[in-house]
Amino acid sequence: MAGSQGKVAIVNCSGAGVGKPAGLALLANGWKMAIAGRRKEPLEHDA
């Protein structure tokens, strides 16, 4: 993802489902991320 330097993404459903791999892909490409989801435990595990 060219030009992702300094970008911030807000990823919903990031504890499971499509949000988790999408968030991991963004992190791998240099994005900063805020995560959100319904269940606290998966978010704490991945944070």
PDB file of N, CA and C in Angstrom:
ATOM      1  N   MET A   1       0.837  -1.174   0.000  1.00  0.00           N
ATOM      2  CA  MET A   1       0.000   0.000   0.000  1.00  0.00           C
ATOM      3  C   MET A   1       0.881   1.237   0.000  1.00  0.00           C
ATOM      4  N   ALA A   2       1.187   1.692  -1.132  1.00  0.00           N
ATOM      5  CA  ALA A   2       2.047   2.860  -1.262  1.00  0.00           C
ATOM      6  C   ALA A   2       1.380   4.074  -0.645  1.00  0.00           C
ATOM      7  N   GLY A   3       2.158   4.896   0.012  1.00  0.00           N
ATOM      8  CA  GLY A   3       1.629   6.114   0.587  1.00  0.00           C
ATOM      9  C   GLY A   3       0.863   5.920   1.880  1.00  0.00           C
ATOM     10  N   SER A   4       1.086   4.801   2.578  1.00  0.00           N
ATOM     11  CA  SER A   4       0.347   4.562   3.812  1.00  0.00           C
ATOM     12  C   SER A   4       1.040   5.165   5.027  1.00  0.00           C
ATOM     13  N   GLN A   5       2.174   5.812   4.836  1.00  0.00           N
ATOM     14  CA  GLN A   5       2.921   6.419   5.930  1.00  0.00           C
ATOM     15  C   GLN A   5       2.076   7.476   6.636  1.00  0.00           C
ATOM     16  N   GLY A   6       1.929   7.354   7.964  1.00  0.00           N
ATOM     17  CA  GLY A   6       1.174   8.329   8.733  1.00  0.00           C
ATOM     18  C   GLY A   6      -0.335   8.165   8.673  1.00  0.00           C
ATOM     19  N   LYS A   7      -0.830   7.119   8.046  1.00  0.00           N
ATOM     20  CA  LYS A   7      -2.267   6.897   7.935  1.00  0.00           C
ATOM     21  C   LYS A   7      -2.771   6.168   9.184  1.00  0.00           C
ATOM     22  N   VAL A   8      -4.015   6.444   9.557  1.00  0.00           N
ATOM     23  CA  VAL A   8      -4.656   5.799  10.697  1.00  0.00           C
ATOM     24  C   VAL A   8      -5.973   5.188  10.229  1.00  0.00           C
ATOM     25  N   ALA A   9      -6.208   3.923  10.617  1.00  0.00           N
ATOM     26  CA  ALA A   9      -7.446   3.232  10.258  1.00  0.00           C
ATOM     27  C   ALA A   9      -8.217   2.902  11.529  1.00  0.00           C
ATOM     28  N   ILE A  10      -9.535   3.004  11.480  1.00  0.00           N
ATOM     29  CA  ILE A  10     -10.404   2.524  12.544  1.00  0.00           C
ATOM     30  C   ILE A  10     -11.046   1.245  12.014  1.00  0.00           C
ATOM     31  N   VAL A  11     -10.754   0.135  12.675  1.00  0.00           N
ATOM     32  CA  VAL A  11     -11.233  -1.166  12.190  1.00  0.00           C
ATOM     33  C   VAL A  11     -12.260  -1.713  13.168  1.00  0.00           C
ATOM     34  N   ASN A  12     -13.490  -1.875  12.700  1.00  0.00           N
ATOM     35  CA  ASN A  12     -14.555  -2.457  13.502  1.00  0.00           C
ATOM     36  C   ASN A  12     -14.540  -3.969  13.332  1.00  0.00           C
ATOM     37  N   CYS A  13     -15.052  -4.682  14.298  1.00  0.00           N
ATOM     38  CA  CYS A  13     -15.070  -6.158  14.292  1.00  0.00           C
ATOM     39  C   CYS A  13     -13.659  -6.713  14.212  1.00  0.00           C
ATOM     40  N   SER A  14     -12.712  -6.055  14.846  1.00  0.00           N
ATOM     41  CA  SER A  14     -11.326  -6.467  14.701  1.00  0.00           C
ATOM     42  C   SER A  14     -10.923  -7.602  15.621  1.00  0.00           C
ATOM     43  N   GLY A  15     -11.825  -8.089  16.467  1.00  0.00           N
ATOM     44  CA  GLY A  15     -11.520  -9.241  17.302  1.00  0.00           C
ATOM     45  C   GLY A  15     -11.740 -10.553  16.586  1.00  0.00           C
ATOM     46  N   ALA A  16     -12.499 -10.545  15.508  1.00  0.00           N
ATOM     47  CA  ALA A  16     -12.825 -11.764  14.760  1.00  0.00           C
ATOM     48  C   ALA A  16     -13.347 -11.357  13.381  1.00  0.00           C
ATOM     49  N   GLY A  17     -13.771 -12.340  12.613  1.00  0.00           N
ATOM     50  CA  GLY A  17     -14.344 -12.062  11.303  1.00  0.00           C
ATOM     51  C   GLY A  17     -13.354 -11.402  10.355  1.00  0.00           C
ATOM     52  N   VAL A  18     -13.854 -10.640   9.397  1.00  0.00           N
ATOM     53  CA  VAL A  18     -12.992 -10.025   8.385  1.00  0.00           C
ATOM     54  C   VAL A  18     -12.196  -8.852   8.925  1.00  0.00           C
ATOM     55  N   GLY A  19     -12.623  -8.278  10.051  1.00  0.00           N
ATOM     56  CA  GLY A  19     -11.908  -7.144  10.612  1.00  0.00           C
ATOM     57  C   GLY A  19     -10.508  -7.487  11.079  1.00  0.00           C
ATOM     58  N   LYS A  20     -10.341  -8.685  11.638  1.00  0.00           N
ATOM     59  CA  LYS A  20      -9.025  -9.066  12.158  1.00  0.00           C
ATOM     60  C   LYS A  20      -7.981  -9.189  11.053  1.00  0.00           C
ATOM     61  N   PRO A  21      -8.204  -9.980   9.998  1.00  0.00           N
ATOM     62  CA  PRO A  21      -7.180 -10.041   8.945  1.00  0.00           C
ATOM     63  C   PRO A  21      -7.002  -8.719   8.206  1.00  0.00           C
ATOM     64  N   ALA A  22      -8.068  -7.950   8.088  1.00  0.00           N
ATOM     65  CA  ALA A  22      -7.942  -6.639   7.440  1.00  0.00           C
ATOM     66  C   ALA A  22      -7.039  -5.732   8.269  1.00  0.00           C
ATOM     67  N   GLY A  23      -7.245  -5.744   9.572  1.00  0.00           N
ATOM     68  CA  GLY A  23      -6.405  -4.941  10.456  1.00  0.00           C
ATOM     69  C   GLY A  23      -4.957  -5.386  10.438  1.00  0.00           C
ATOM     70  N   LEU A  24      -4.730  -6.694  10.439  1.00  0.00           N
ATOM     71  CA  LEU A  24      -3.361  -7.213  10.388  1.00  0.00           C
ATOM     72  C   LEU A  24      -2.667  -6.813   9.085  1.00  0.00           C
ATOM     73  N   ALA A  25      -3.407  -6.806   7.989  1.00  0.00           N
ATOM     74  CA  ALA A  25      -2.835  -6.384   6.705  1.00  0.00           C
ATOM     75  C   ALA A  25      -2.460  -4.907   6.738  1.00  0.00           C
ATOM     76  N   LEU A  26      -3.310  -4.098   7.346  1.00  0.00           N
ATOM     77  CA  LEU A  26      -2.999  -2.669   7.458  1.00  0.00           C
ATOM     78  C   LEU A  26      -1.755  -2.458   8.306  1.00  0.00           C
ATOM     79  N   LEU A  27      -1.671  -3.156   9.449  1.00  0.00           N
ATOM     80  CA  LEU A  27      -0.490  -3.029  10.309  1.00  0.00           C
ATOM     81  C   LEU A  27       0.777  -3.441   9.572  1.00  0.00           C
ATOM     82  N   ALA A  28       0.697  -4.520   8.803  1.00  0.00           N
ATOM     83  CA  ALA A  28       1.858  -5.006   8.055  1.00  0.00           C
ATOM     84  C   ALA A  28       2.326  -3.996   7.016  1.00  0.00           C
ATOM     85  N   ASN A  29       1.427  -3.105   6.620  1.00  0.00           N
ATOM     86  CA  ASN A  29       1.769  -2.100   5.612  1.00  0.00           C
ATOM     87  C   ASN A  29       2.006  -0.719   6.208  1.00  0.00           C
ATOM     88  N   GLY A  30       2.252  -0.667   7.526  1.00  0.00           N
ATOM     89  CA  GLY A  30       2.665   0.578   8.150  1.00  0.00           C
ATOM     90  C   GLY A  30       1.568   1.485   8.676  1.00  0.00           C
ATOM     91  N   TRP A  31       0.322   1.044   8.634  1.00  0.00           N
ATOM     92  CA  TRP A  31      -0.766   1.871   9.142  1.00  0.00           C
ATOM     93  C   TRP A  31      -0.799   1.804  10.666  1.00  0.00           C
ATOM     94  N   LYS A  32      -1.273   2.869  11.295  1.00  0.00           N
ATOM     95  CA  LYS A  32      -1.617   2.854  12.703  1.00  0.00           C
ATOM     96  C   LYS A  32      -3.094   2.502  12.777  1.00  0.00           C
ATOM     97  N   MET A  33      -3.509   1.914  13.895  1.00  0.00           N
ATOM     98  CA  MET A  33      -4.855   1.385  13.930  1.00  0.00           C
ATOM     99  C   MET A  33      -5.541   1.597  15.267  1.00  0.00           C
ATOM    100  N   ALA A  34      -6.821   1.891  15.217  1.00  0.00           N
ATOM    101  CA  ALA A  34      -7.700   1.859  16.384  1.00  0.00           C
ATOM    102  C   ALA A  34      -8.648   0.695  16.145  1.00  0.00           C
ATOM    103  N   ILE A  35      -8.834  -0.151  17.170  1.00  0.00           N
ATOM    104  CA  ILE A  35      -9.691  -1.319  16.989  1.00  0.00           C
ATOM    105  C   ILE A  35     -10.982  -1.172  17.776  1.00  0.00           C
ATOM    106  N   ALA A  36     -12.043  -1.803  17.284  1.00  0.00           N
ATOM    107  CA  ALA A  36     -13.341  -1.769  17.945  1.00  0.00           C
ATOM    108  C   ALA A  36     -14.041  -3.104  17.729  1.00  0.00           C
ATOM    109  N   GLY A  37     -14.869  -3.479  18.681  1.00  0.00           N
ATOM    110  CA  GLY A  37     -15.632  -4.712  18.565  1.00  0.00           C
ATOM    111  C   GLY A  37     -16.589  -4.853  19.731  1.00  0.00           C
ATOM    112  N   ARG A  38     -17.441  -5.859  19.659  1.00  0.00           N
ATOM    113  CA  ARG A  38     -18.445  -6.066  20.704  1.00  0.00           C
ATOM    114  C   ARG A  38     -17.863  -6.710  21.947  1.00  0.00           C
ATOM    115  N   ARG A  39     -16.937  -7.649  21.771  1.00  0.00           N
ATOM    116  CA  ARG A  39     -16.417  -8.415  22.902  1.00  0.00           C
ATOM    117  C   ARG A  39     -15.033  -7.920  23.306  1.00  0.00           C
ATOM    118  N   LYS A  40     -14.876  -7.642  24.580  1.00  0.00           N
ATOM    119  CA  LYS A  40     -13.645  -7.065  25.121  1.00  0.00           C
ATOM    120  C   LYS A  40     -12.473  -8.045  25.048  1.00  0.00           C
ATOM    121  N   GLU A  41     -12.703  -9.307  25.337  1.00  0.00           N
ATOM    122  CA  GLU A  41     -11.604 -10.284  25.439  1.00  0.00           C
ATOM    123  C   GLU A  41     -10.799 -10.445  24.147  1.00  0.00           C
ATOM    124  N   PRO A  42     -11.435 -10.639  22.990  1.00  0.00           N
ATOM    125  CA  PRO A  42     -10.620 -10.766  21.764  1.00  0.00           C
ATOM    126  C   PRO A  42      -9.822  -9.504  21.447  1.00  0.00           C
ATOM    127  N   LEU A  43     -10.395  -8.342  21.764  1.00  0.00           N
ATOM    128  CA  LEU A  43      -9.680  -7.088  21.511  1.00  0.00           C
ATOM    129  C   LEU A  43      -8.468  -6.946  22.414  1.00  0.00           C
ATOM    130  N   GLU A  44      -8.633  -7.308  23.692  1.00  0.00           N
ATOM    131  CA  GLU A  44      -7.495  -7.253  24.614  1.00  0.00           C
ATOM    132  C   GLU A  44      -6.400  -8.230  24.210  1.00  0.00           C
ATOM    133  N   HIS A  45      -6.794  -9.381  23.718  1.00  0.00           N
ATOM    134  CA  HIS A  45      -5.821 -10.398  23.293  1.00  0.00           C
ATOM    135  C   HIS A  45      -4.991  -9.892  22.115  1.00  0.00           C
ATOM    136  N   ASP A  46      -5.624  -9.195  21.190  1.00  0.00           N
ATOM    137  CA  ASP A  46      -4.936  -8.763  19.971  1.00  0.00           C
ATOM    138  C   ASP A  46      -4.258  -7.400  20.105  1.00  0.00           C
ATOM    139  N   ALA A  47      -4.599  -6.661  21.146  1.00  0.00           N
ATOM    140  CA  ALA A  47      -4.050  -5.302  21.294  1.00  0.00           C
ATOM    141  C   ALA A  47      -2.599  -5.296  21.611  1.00  0.00           C
TER     142      ALA A  47
END
